Amino acid sequence: MSENPHQRKKEPQLIRQSILQHAMRLAAQKGVNGVSIQAVADLVGVTKGGVFHHFPNKQKLLESMVICLLEQLDEVVDRLISEDDQPYGCFTRAYIEITLEKQIHGLQHSWSAISMTMLTDKTFNEYWIEWLNTRLQRHAATDANMELNILRYAADGIWLTAFTEVEDASETLELKNELIARTYRAKSD
C-alpha cells in the first residue's frame, strides 16, 4: 500500500506551533483585529476546522498567542540578564532593552507591535501585569529600587510615543542609552 503524496503526516504540536506563529505574525502586521481564523488557516495551510481543532475560538487562539509570546520574552530577558555582568539593575536594563527595541533577537515578531495588544485588551493586559509582577518579584534583590522603577516607567513612556507617530529613532536610541546608563548610577534604598 503506497502513501498518498498529497497527504501530510499529522504532527499536532508542529501544526499548533505554526498556527501560533502565524497568528503572531498577523497581529504584528495588522493588529489583533487583523487576526482571523480564516487568515491563520490560509497561512498555515489547514482548514478553519484545523485551527478550531487546536483552539476552540479566536479568543483562545489570541490568549495562547500572548502566553507564547510572553514565554519567548522570558527567554530573551533571561538571556539579556545572563549576559549582564552587573547584578544591580539587571532586570531593569533588560526591560528597557525589550521595551525600546522594535525587533529583539529571540522574538520572532515585532515585540513593539504585539505589545500594544497587551495594553489595549483587558484580558491580555492582565497577562502582561502578571508577567511583570512575577518578574519584579523574582528580581526584587537586584531591581526593587525607586530609581529603577522610575527608569522602567520612563521606558514605557518612550515606547508609547512610537504609537503617536512622533517617534524619532535617533532620539529613542539616545534616550534608551541614557536610561540604561542611569541604571548603573541608581542609588540603593
N, C-alpha and C. Protein backbone atom coordinates (compact mmCIF):
# COMPACT_ATOMS: atom_id res chain seq x y z
N MET A 1 0.85 -1.17 0.00
CA MET A 1 0.00 0.00 0.00
C MET A 1 0.90 1.25 0.00
N SER A 2 0.71 2.15 -0.95
CA SER A 2 1.56 3.34 -1.02
C SER A 2 0.87 4.52 -0.34
N GLU A 3 1.71 5.42 0.16
CA GLU A 3 1.18 6.61 0.83
C GLU A 3 0.74 7.63 -0.20
N ASN A 4 -0.29 8.35 0.12
CA ASN A 4 -0.76 9.43 -0.73
C ASN A 4 0.23 10.58 -0.59
N PRO A 5 0.90 11.00 -1.68
CA PRO A 5 1.91 12.04 -1.57
C PRO A 5 1.33 13.41 -1.19
N HIS A 6 0.03 13.59 -1.36
CA HIS A 6 -0.60 14.86 -1.04
C HIS A 6 -1.08 14.92 0.41
N GLN A 7 -1.02 13.81 1.08
CA GLN A 7 -1.47 13.77 2.46
C GLN A 7 -0.24 13.92 3.36
N ARG A 8 -0.27 14.93 4.19
CA ARG A 8 0.89 15.13 5.06
C ARG A 8 0.71 14.38 6.37
N LYS A 9 1.84 14.05 6.93
CA LYS A 9 1.83 13.37 8.22
C LYS A 9 1.33 14.35 9.28
N LYS A 10 0.43 13.88 10.09
CA LYS A 10 -0.12 14.76 11.12
C LYS A 10 0.87 14.89 12.26
N GLU A 11 1.20 16.12 12.56
CA GLU A 11 2.09 16.43 13.67
C GLU A 11 1.43 17.56 14.45
N PRO A 12 0.52 17.20 15.36
CA PRO A 12 -0.30 18.22 16.02
C PRO A 12 0.48 19.33 16.72
N GLN A 13 1.60 19.00 17.36
CA GLN A 13 2.36 20.05 18.06
C GLN A 13 2.97 21.03 17.07
N LEU A 14 3.46 20.53 15.96
CA LEU A 14 4.04 21.42 14.94
C LEU A 14 2.97 22.30 14.31
N ILE A 15 1.81 21.72 14.06
CA ILE A 15 0.70 22.49 13.48
C ILE A 15 0.25 23.56 14.47
N ARG A 16 0.10 23.18 15.73
CA ARG A 16 -0.32 24.14 16.76
C ARG A 16 0.69 25.29 16.84
N GLN A 17 1.97 24.97 16.84
CA GLN A 17 3.02 26.00 16.91
C GLN A 17 2.98 26.88 15.66
N SER A 18 2.75 26.29 14.52
CA SER A 18 2.66 27.06 13.28
C SER A 18 1.46 28.01 13.33
N ILE A 19 0.35 27.55 13.85
CA ILE A 19 -0.84 28.40 13.99
C ILE A 19 -0.51 29.60 14.87
N LEU A 20 0.14 29.35 16.00
CA LEU A 20 0.50 30.44 16.92
C LEU A 20 1.47 31.43 16.27
N GLN A 21 2.48 30.91 15.57
CA GLN A 21 3.46 31.79 14.94
C GLN A 21 2.81 32.65 13.85
N HIS A 22 1.93 32.05 13.07
CA HIS A 22 1.26 32.83 12.02
C HIS A 22 0.27 33.84 12.61
N ALA A 23 -0.37 33.49 13.71
CA ALA A 23 -1.26 34.44 14.39
C ALA A 23 -0.44 35.62 14.91
N MET A 24 0.74 35.36 15.46
CA MET A 24 1.61 36.44 15.94
C MET A 24 2.06 37.33 14.79
N ARG A 25 2.39 36.71 13.67
CA ARG A 25 2.81 37.49 12.51
C ARG A 25 1.68 38.40 12.05
N LEU A 26 0.46 37.87 11.97
CA LEU A 26 -0.68 38.68 11.58
C LEU A 26 -0.93 39.82 12.58
N ALA A 27 -0.84 39.50 13.87
CA ALA A 27 -1.05 40.52 14.90
C ALA A 27 0.01 41.62 14.79
N ALA A 28 1.25 41.24 14.50
CA ALA A 28 2.32 42.22 14.36
C ALA A 28 2.10 43.10 13.13
N GLN A 29 1.56 42.52 12.06
CA GLN A 29 1.36 43.26 10.81
C GLN A 29 0.08 44.09 10.82
N LYS A 30 -1.01 43.51 11.36
CA LYS A 30 -2.33 44.12 11.20
C LYS A 30 -3.06 44.42 12.49
N GLY A 31 -2.44 44.11 13.62
CA GLY A 31 -3.12 44.26 14.90
C GLY A 31 -4.01 43.07 15.17
N VAL A 32 -4.55 43.00 16.36
CA VAL A 32 -5.36 41.85 16.77
C VAL A 32 -6.60 41.70 15.88
N ASN A 33 -7.18 42.81 15.46
CA ASN A 33 -8.36 42.72 14.60
C ASN A 33 -8.05 42.11 13.24
N GLY A 34 -6.79 42.13 12.85
CA GLY A 34 -6.38 41.52 11.59
C GLY A 34 -6.16 40.03 11.68
N VAL A 35 -6.29 39.48 12.88
CA VAL A 35 -6.13 38.04 13.07
C VAL A 35 -7.50 37.40 12.96
N SER A 36 -7.70 36.67 11.88
CA SER A 36 -8.94 35.91 11.72
C SER A 36 -8.58 34.44 11.62
N ILE A 37 -9.52 33.61 12.00
CA ILE A 37 -9.29 32.16 11.92
C ILE A 37 -9.00 31.77 10.47
N GLN A 38 -9.74 32.35 9.53
CA GLN A 38 -9.54 32.01 8.11
C GLN A 38 -8.15 32.44 7.64
N ALA A 39 -7.72 33.65 8.01
CA ALA A 39 -6.40 34.13 7.59
C ALA A 39 -5.29 33.24 8.15
N VAL A 40 -5.42 32.85 9.41
CA VAL A 40 -4.42 31.97 10.02
C VAL A 40 -4.44 30.61 9.32
N ALA A 41 -5.62 30.07 9.09
CA ALA A 41 -5.73 28.78 8.42
C ALA A 41 -5.08 28.82 7.04
N ASP A 42 -5.33 29.90 6.30
CA ASP A 42 -4.74 30.03 4.96
C ASP A 42 -3.21 30.07 5.03
N LEU A 43 -2.67 30.81 5.99
CA LEU A 43 -1.22 30.90 6.12
C LEU A 43 -0.58 29.57 6.52
N VAL A 44 -1.27 28.84 7.39
CA VAL A 44 -0.73 27.57 7.87
C VAL A 44 -0.91 26.45 6.85
N GLY A 45 -1.96 26.61 6.02
CA GLY A 45 -2.26 25.56 5.05
C GLY A 45 -3.16 24.48 5.61
N VAL A 46 -4.04 24.89 6.53
CA VAL A 46 -5.03 23.97 7.10
C VAL A 46 -6.41 24.60 6.92
N THR A 47 -7.42 23.84 7.23
CA THR A 47 -8.78 24.37 7.17
C THR A 47 -9.09 25.15 8.43
N LYS A 48 -10.18 25.93 8.40
CA LYS A 48 -10.61 26.60 9.63
C LYS A 48 -10.86 25.56 10.72
N GLY A 49 -11.42 24.41 10.33
CA GLY A 49 -11.64 23.33 11.29
C GLY A 49 -10.34 22.85 11.90
N GLY A 50 -9.27 22.88 11.11
CA GLY A 50 -7.96 22.51 11.63
C GLY A 50 -7.49 23.47 12.72
N VAL A 51 -7.76 24.75 12.53
CA VAL A 51 -7.41 25.73 13.55
C VAL A 51 -8.29 25.51 14.78
N PHE A 52 -9.60 25.32 14.55
CA PHE A 52 -10.53 25.10 15.67
C PHE A 52 -10.22 23.81 16.44
N HIS A 53 -9.58 22.85 15.78
CA HIS A 53 -9.17 21.62 16.45
C HIS A 53 -8.19 21.95 17.59
N HIS A 54 -7.34 22.95 17.37
CA HIS A 54 -6.32 23.32 18.35
C HIS A 54 -6.78 24.44 19.28
N PHE A 55 -7.64 25.32 18.78
CA PHE A 55 -8.11 26.48 19.54
C PHE A 55 -9.60 26.61 19.31
N PRO A 56 -10.43 26.47 20.35
CA PRO A 56 -11.88 26.42 20.17
C PRO A 56 -12.51 27.72 19.64
N ASN A 57 -11.79 28.84 19.79
CA ASN A 57 -12.32 30.10 19.27
C ASN A 57 -11.16 31.10 19.12
N LYS A 58 -11.45 32.23 18.53
CA LYS A 58 -10.42 33.24 18.29
C LYS A 58 -9.83 33.75 19.60
N GLN A 59 -10.65 33.94 20.62
CA GLN A 59 -10.15 34.44 21.90
C GLN A 59 -9.11 33.49 22.49
N LYS A 60 -9.37 32.18 22.43
CA LYS A 60 -8.41 31.20 22.96
C LYS A 60 -7.12 31.22 22.13
N LEU A 61 -7.26 31.39 20.82
CA LEU A 61 -6.08 31.50 19.96
C LEU A 61 -5.25 32.72 20.36
N LEU A 62 -5.91 33.85 20.55
CA LEU A 62 -5.19 35.08 20.92
C LEU A 62 -4.56 34.97 22.30
N GLU A 63 -5.29 34.37 23.25
CA GLU A 63 -4.71 34.17 24.59
C GLU A 63 -3.49 33.27 24.52
N SER A 64 -3.57 32.20 23.75
CA SER A 64 -2.42 31.30 23.60
C SER A 64 -1.26 32.01 22.92
N MET A 65 -1.58 32.88 21.97
CA MET A 65 -0.56 33.66 21.29
C MET A 65 0.18 34.55 22.28
N VAL A 66 -0.55 35.22 23.17
CA VAL A 66 0.07 36.11 24.15
C VAL A 66 0.91 35.29 25.13
N ILE A 67 0.41 34.16 25.59
CA ILE A 67 1.18 33.30 26.50
C ILE A 67 2.48 32.85 25.83
N CYS A 68 2.38 32.44 24.58
CA CYS A 68 3.56 32.01 23.82
C CYS A 68 4.56 33.16 23.69
N LEU A 69 4.06 34.34 23.40
CA LEU A 69 4.92 35.50 23.27
C LEU A 69 5.61 35.83 24.59
N LEU A 70 4.88 35.74 25.69
CA LEU A 70 5.49 36.02 26.99
C LEU A 70 6.55 34.97 27.35
N GLU A 71 6.34 33.73 26.93
CA GLU A 71 7.35 32.70 27.13
C GLU A 71 8.62 33.03 26.34
N GLN A 72 8.43 33.49 25.10
CA GLN A 72 9.58 33.91 24.29
C GLN A 72 10.27 35.10 24.95
N LEU A 73 9.47 36.02 25.46
CA LEU A 73 10.01 37.20 26.12
C LEU A 73 10.83 36.80 27.35
N ASP A 74 10.34 35.83 28.11
CA ASP A 74 11.09 35.32 29.26
C ASP A 74 12.47 34.82 28.83
N GLU A 75 12.52 34.09 27.74
CA GLU A 75 13.80 33.58 27.25
C GLU A 75 14.75 34.71 26.90
N VAL A 76 14.22 35.74 26.24
CA VAL A 76 15.05 36.88 25.86
C VAL A 76 15.54 37.62 27.10
N VAL A 77 14.66 37.87 28.05
CA VAL A 77 15.04 38.56 29.28
C VAL A 77 16.09 37.75 30.04
N ASP A 78 15.88 36.45 30.14
CA ASP A 78 16.86 35.60 30.82
C ASP A 78 18.22 35.67 30.12
N ARG A 79 18.21 35.67 28.79
CA ARG A 79 19.47 35.76 28.03
C ARG A 79 20.15 37.09 28.29
N LEU A 80 19.40 38.19 28.24
CA LEU A 80 19.98 39.51 28.47
C LEU A 80 20.55 39.61 29.88
N ILE A 81 19.84 39.07 30.86
CA ILE A 81 20.34 39.10 32.25
C ILE A 81 21.60 38.26 32.38
N SER A 82 21.63 37.10 31.73
CA SER A 82 22.82 36.24 31.84
C SER A 82 24.05 36.88 31.19
N GLU A 83 23.83 37.77 30.22
CA GLU A 83 24.93 38.46 29.54
C GLU A 83 25.37 39.72 30.29
N ASP A 84 24.62 40.10 31.32
CA ASP A 84 24.89 41.32 32.08
C ASP A 84 25.83 40.98 33.24
N ASP A 85 26.97 41.66 33.30
CA ASP A 85 27.93 41.34 34.36
C ASP A 85 27.70 42.12 35.66
N GLN A 86 26.69 42.98 35.68
CA GLN A 86 26.35 43.74 36.88
C GLN A 86 24.98 43.30 37.40
N PRO A 87 24.92 42.65 38.55
CA PRO A 87 23.62 42.20 39.06
C PRO A 87 22.64 43.34 39.34
N TYR A 88 23.13 44.44 39.96
CA TYR A 88 22.23 45.53 40.32
C TYR A 88 21.60 46.13 39.06
N GLY A 89 20.28 46.11 38.98
CA GLY A 89 19.55 46.71 37.87
C GLY A 89 19.49 45.84 36.61
N CYS A 90 19.90 44.58 36.72
CA CYS A 90 19.96 43.72 35.53
C CYS A 90 18.59 43.53 34.87
N PHE A 91 17.54 43.35 35.65
CA PHE A 91 16.21 43.21 35.05
C PHE A 91 15.77 44.52 34.40
N THR A 92 16.04 45.64 35.06
CA THR A 92 15.64 46.93 34.51
C THR A 92 16.33 47.19 33.19
N ARG A 93 17.62 46.86 33.08
CA ARG A 93 18.31 47.03 31.80
C ARG A 93 17.69 46.14 30.72
N ALA A 94 17.38 44.90 31.07
CA ALA A 94 16.73 44.00 30.11
C ALA A 94 15.36 44.55 29.73
N TYR A 95 14.62 45.06 30.70
CA TYR A 95 13.29 45.62 30.45
C TYR A 95 13.37 46.81 29.50
N ILE A 96 14.32 47.70 29.75
CA ILE A 96 14.49 48.87 28.87
C ILE A 96 14.83 48.41 27.47
N GLU A 97 15.70 47.43 27.38
CA GLU A 97 16.11 46.90 26.06
C GLU A 97 14.90 46.35 25.30
N ILE A 98 14.10 45.50 25.94
CA ILE A 98 12.97 44.89 25.23
C ILE A 98 11.87 45.91 24.95
N THR A 99 11.77 46.93 25.79
CA THR A 99 10.72 47.92 25.62
C THR A 99 11.03 48.87 24.46
N LEU A 100 12.29 49.19 24.28
CA LEU A 100 12.64 50.23 23.31
C LEU A 100 13.28 49.70 22.03
N GLU A 101 13.22 48.42 21.80
CA GLU A 101 13.67 47.85 20.53
C GLU A 101 12.47 47.31 19.78
N LYS A 102 12.34 47.64 18.51
CA LYS A 102 11.22 47.14 17.71
C LYS A 102 11.41 45.66 17.37
N GLN A 103 12.62 45.26 17.08
CA GLN A 103 12.93 43.86 16.78
C GLN A 103 13.95 43.39 17.81
N ILE A 104 13.65 42.30 18.46
CA ILE A 104 14.52 41.78 19.50
C ILE A 104 14.96 40.38 19.10
N HIS A 105 16.27 40.17 19.12
CA HIS A 105 16.80 38.84 18.81
C HIS A 105 16.20 37.82 19.78
N GLY A 106 15.57 36.81 19.25
CA GLY A 106 14.95 35.79 20.08
C GLY A 106 13.43 35.87 20.05
N LEU A 107 12.91 37.03 19.62
CA LEU A 107 11.46 37.15 19.41
C LEU A 107 11.22 37.11 17.92
N GLN A 108 10.29 36.27 17.53
CA GLN A 108 10.10 36.03 16.11
C GLN A 108 9.30 37.12 15.40
N HIS A 109 8.65 37.97 16.14
CA HIS A 109 7.84 39.02 15.53
C HIS A 109 8.06 40.31 16.28
N SER A 110 7.59 41.39 15.71
CA SER A 110 7.79 42.70 16.30
C SER A 110 7.16 42.79 17.68
N TRP A 111 8.00 42.90 18.69
CA TRP A 111 7.51 43.00 20.06
C TRP A 111 6.71 44.29 20.23
N SER A 112 7.21 45.36 19.66
CA SER A 112 6.55 46.65 19.79
C SER A 112 5.11 46.60 19.29
N ALA A 113 4.91 46.00 18.13
CA ALA A 113 3.56 45.94 17.57
C ALA A 113 2.64 45.05 18.40
N ILE A 114 3.12 43.90 18.80
CA ILE A 114 2.27 42.97 19.54
C ILE A 114 2.02 43.46 20.96
N SER A 115 2.98 44.16 21.53
CA SER A 115 2.80 44.61 22.90
C SER A 115 1.65 45.60 23.05
N MET A 116 1.30 46.30 21.97
CA MET A 116 0.15 47.20 22.03
C MET A 116 -1.12 46.42 22.35
N THR A 117 -1.19 45.17 21.89
CA THR A 117 -2.33 44.32 22.20
C THR A 117 -2.49 44.17 23.70
N MET A 118 -1.38 44.05 24.40
CA MET A 118 -1.44 43.85 25.84
C MET A 118 -1.88 45.11 26.57
N LEU A 119 -1.69 46.24 25.93
CA LEU A 119 -2.12 47.49 26.54
C LEU A 119 -3.60 47.74 26.30
N THR A 120 -4.11 47.35 25.14
CA THR A 120 -5.46 47.73 24.74
C THR A 120 -6.54 46.70 25.06
N ASP A 121 -6.17 45.48 25.35
CA ASP A 121 -7.15 44.44 25.64
C ASP A 121 -7.03 44.03 27.10
N LYS A 122 -8.14 44.10 27.84
CA LYS A 122 -8.13 43.84 29.28
C LYS A 122 -7.56 42.46 29.63
N THR A 123 -7.99 41.43 28.91
CA THR A 123 -7.50 40.07 29.19
C THR A 123 -6.00 39.99 28.99
N PHE A 124 -5.53 40.53 27.86
CA PHE A 124 -4.10 40.47 27.56
C PHE A 124 -3.31 41.34 28.52
N ASN A 125 -3.90 42.46 28.92
CA ASN A 125 -3.26 43.35 29.87
C ASN A 125 -3.05 42.63 31.20
N GLU A 126 -4.00 41.80 31.60
CA GLU A 126 -3.85 41.02 32.84
C GLU A 126 -2.69 40.04 32.74
N TYR A 127 -2.51 39.41 31.56
CA TYR A 127 -1.37 38.52 31.36
C TYR A 127 -0.06 39.30 31.52
N TRP A 128 -0.02 40.50 30.92
CA TRP A 128 1.18 41.33 30.98
C TRP A 128 1.48 41.72 32.43
N ILE A 129 0.48 42.18 33.15
CA ILE A 129 0.67 42.60 34.55
C ILE A 129 1.17 41.43 35.39
N GLU A 130 0.59 40.26 35.17
CA GLU A 130 1.04 39.07 35.90
C GLU A 130 2.49 38.75 35.57
N TRP A 131 2.85 38.82 34.27
CA TRP A 131 4.23 38.56 33.86
C TRP A 131 5.18 39.54 34.53
N LEU A 132 4.85 40.83 34.45
CA LEU A 132 5.72 41.85 35.01
C LEU A 132 5.85 41.71 36.52
N ASN A 133 4.74 41.49 37.22
CA ASN A 133 4.80 41.33 38.67
C ASN A 133 5.63 40.12 39.08
N THR A 134 5.50 39.03 38.34
CA THR A 134 6.30 37.84 38.62
C THR A 134 7.79 38.14 38.44
N ARG A 135 8.10 38.85 37.37
CA ARG A 135 9.49 39.23 37.11
C ARG A 135 10.02 40.17 38.19
N LEU A 136 9.23 41.13 38.59
CA LEU A 136 9.68 42.08 39.62
C LEU A 136 9.92 41.37 40.95
N GLN A 137 9.06 40.40 41.28
CA GLN A 137 9.28 39.62 42.50
C GLN A 137 10.55 38.79 42.39
N ARG A 138 10.76 38.18 41.23
CA ARG A 138 11.94 37.34 41.03
C ARG A 138 13.23 38.16 41.14
N HIS A 139 13.16 39.42 40.73
CA HIS A 139 14.36 40.26 40.71
C HIS A 139 14.34 41.33 41.79
N ALA A 140 13.59 41.09 42.85
CA ALA A 140 13.48 42.08 43.94
C ALA A 140 14.84 42.42 44.54
N ALA A 141 15.72 41.45 44.66
CA ALA A 141 17.03 41.70 45.28
C ALA A 141 17.88 42.64 44.44
N THR A 142 17.69 42.66 43.14
CA THR A 142 18.52 43.48 42.26
C THR A 142 17.80 44.70 41.69
N ASP A 143 16.47 44.70 41.71
CA ASP A 143 15.75 45.74 40.98
C ASP A 143 14.62 46.41 41.75
N ALA A 144 14.49 46.14 43.04
CA ALA A 144 13.43 46.78 43.84
C ALA A 144 13.96 48.09 44.39
N ASN A 145 13.99 49.09 43.56
CA ASN A 145 14.54 50.39 43.92
C ASN A 145 13.70 51.44 43.20
N MET A 146 13.39 52.55 43.86
CA MET A 146 12.54 53.58 43.28
C MET A 146 13.14 54.16 42.01
N GLU A 147 14.44 54.42 42.01
CA GLU A 147 15.10 54.95 40.82
C GLU A 147 14.92 54.01 39.62
N LEU A 148 15.12 52.72 39.85
CA LEU A 148 14.97 51.74 38.77
C LEU A 148 13.52 51.66 38.32
N ASN A 149 12.60 51.77 39.25
CA ASN A 149 11.18 51.78 38.91
C ASN A 149 10.85 52.97 38.01
N ILE A 150 11.38 54.14 38.35
CA ILE A 150 11.17 55.34 37.54
C ILE A 150 11.75 55.14 36.14
N LEU A 151 12.90 54.52 36.04
CA LEU A 151 13.53 54.29 34.73
C LEU A 151 12.68 53.33 33.88
N ARG A 152 12.07 52.32 34.51
CA ARG A 152 11.19 51.41 33.76
C ARG A 152 9.96 52.16 33.27
N TYR A 153 9.39 53.03 34.13
CA TYR A 153 8.24 53.83 33.70
C TYR A 153 8.62 54.78 32.57
N ALA A 154 9.81 55.35 32.64
CA ALA A 154 10.27 56.25 31.57
C ALA A 154 10.36 55.48 30.25
N ALA A 155 10.88 54.26 30.32
CA ALA A 155 10.95 53.43 29.10
C ALA A 155 9.56 53.18 28.54
N ASP A 156 8.59 52.94 29.42
CA ASP A 156 7.21 52.74 28.97
C ASP A 156 6.69 53.99 28.25
N GLY A 157 7.00 55.15 28.78
CA GLY A 157 6.55 56.40 28.16
C GLY A 157 7.18 56.62 26.80
N ILE A 158 8.45 56.32 26.69
CA ILE A 158 9.14 56.45 25.40
C ILE A 158 8.55 55.46 24.40
N TRP A 159 8.27 54.23 24.86
CA TRP A 159 7.66 53.22 24.00
C TRP A 159 6.32 53.72 23.45
N LEU A 160 5.55 54.37 24.31
CA LEU A 160 4.23 54.84 23.90
C LEU A 160 4.31 55.88 22.79
N THR A 161 5.38 56.66 22.74
CA THR A 161 5.50 57.66 21.68
C THR A 161 5.58 57.02 20.30
N ALA A 162 6.00 55.79 20.24
CA ALA A 162 6.07 55.09 18.94
C ALA A 162 4.68 54.99 18.31
N PHE A 163 3.65 54.97 19.13
CA PHE A 163 2.30 54.82 18.61
C PHE A 163 1.62 56.15 18.34
N THR A 164 2.30 57.25 18.67
CA THR A 164 1.76 58.57 18.36
C THR A 164 2.34 59.09 17.06
N GLU A 165 3.21 58.32 16.46
CA GLU A 165 3.86 58.62 15.19
C GLU A 165 4.74 59.87 15.26
N VAL A 166 5.20 60.22 16.45
CA VAL A 166 6.13 61.33 16.57
C VAL A 166 7.51 60.84 17.02
N GLU A 167 7.68 59.53 16.99
CA GLU A 167 8.94 58.96 17.44
C GLU A 167 10.08 59.35 16.49
N ASP A 168 11.19 59.72 17.08
CA ASP A 168 12.42 59.99 16.36
C ASP A 168 13.38 58.86 16.76
N ALA A 169 13.73 58.00 15.80
CA ALA A 169 14.52 56.80 16.11
C ALA A 169 15.86 57.14 16.77
N SER A 170 16.53 58.19 16.30
CA SER A 170 17.82 58.53 16.90
C SER A 170 17.64 59.05 18.33
N GLU A 171 16.56 59.81 18.57
CA GLU A 171 16.29 60.28 19.92
C GLU A 171 15.94 59.11 20.84
N THR A 172 15.15 58.16 20.32
CA THR A 172 14.79 56.98 21.11
C THR A 172 16.05 56.20 21.51
N LEU A 173 16.97 56.03 20.59
CA LEU A 173 18.22 55.34 20.89
C LEU A 173 19.02 56.10 21.95
N GLU A 174 19.08 57.42 21.81
CA GLU A 174 19.80 58.24 22.79
C GLU A 174 19.15 58.13 24.18
N LEU A 175 17.82 58.19 24.21
CA LEU A 175 17.11 58.07 25.49
C LEU A 175 17.30 56.68 26.09
N LYS A 176 17.22 55.64 25.25
CA LYS A 176 17.44 54.26 25.75
C LYS A 176 18.82 54.15 26.37
N ASN A 177 19.83 54.65 25.68
CA ASN A 177 21.20 54.56 26.21
C ASN A 177 21.33 55.33 27.52
N GLU A 178 20.66 56.47 27.62
CA GLU A 178 20.71 57.26 28.87
C GLU A 178 20.01 56.52 30.01
N LEU A 179 18.84 55.92 29.71
CA LEU A 179 18.14 55.17 30.76
C LEU A 179 18.99 54.01 31.26
N ILE A 180 19.60 53.28 30.33
CA ILE A 180 20.45 52.15 30.72
C ILE A 180 21.64 52.64 31.54
N ALA A 181 22.25 53.74 31.13
CA ALA A 181 23.39 54.29 31.90
C ALA A 181 22.95 54.66 33.31
N ARG A 182 21.75 55.17 33.46
CA ARG A 182 21.26 55.57 34.78
C ARG A 182 20.97 54.37 35.68
N THR A 183 20.76 53.19 35.09
CA THR A 183 20.54 52.00 35.94
C THR A 183 21.79 51.67 36.74
N TYR A 184 22.95 52.04 36.22
CA TYR A 184 24.20 51.79 36.94
C TYR A 184 24.43 52.83 38.03
N ARG A 185 23.84 54.02 37.85
CA ARG A 185 24.05 55.12 38.80
C ARG A 185 22.97 55.17 39.86
N ALA A 186 21.89 54.41 39.69
CA ALA A 186 20.78 54.46 40.65
C ALA A 186 21.29 54.06 42.03
N LYS A 187 20.83 54.77 43.02
CA LYS A 187 21.27 54.51 44.40
C LYS A 187 20.38 53.45 45.05
N SER A 188 20.99 52.62 45.88
CA SER A 188 20.22 51.63 46.63
C SER A 188 19.45 52.32 47.73
N ASP A 189 18.25 51.77 48.01
CA ASP A 189 17.43 52.33 49.09
C ASP A 189 18.05 52.07 50.44
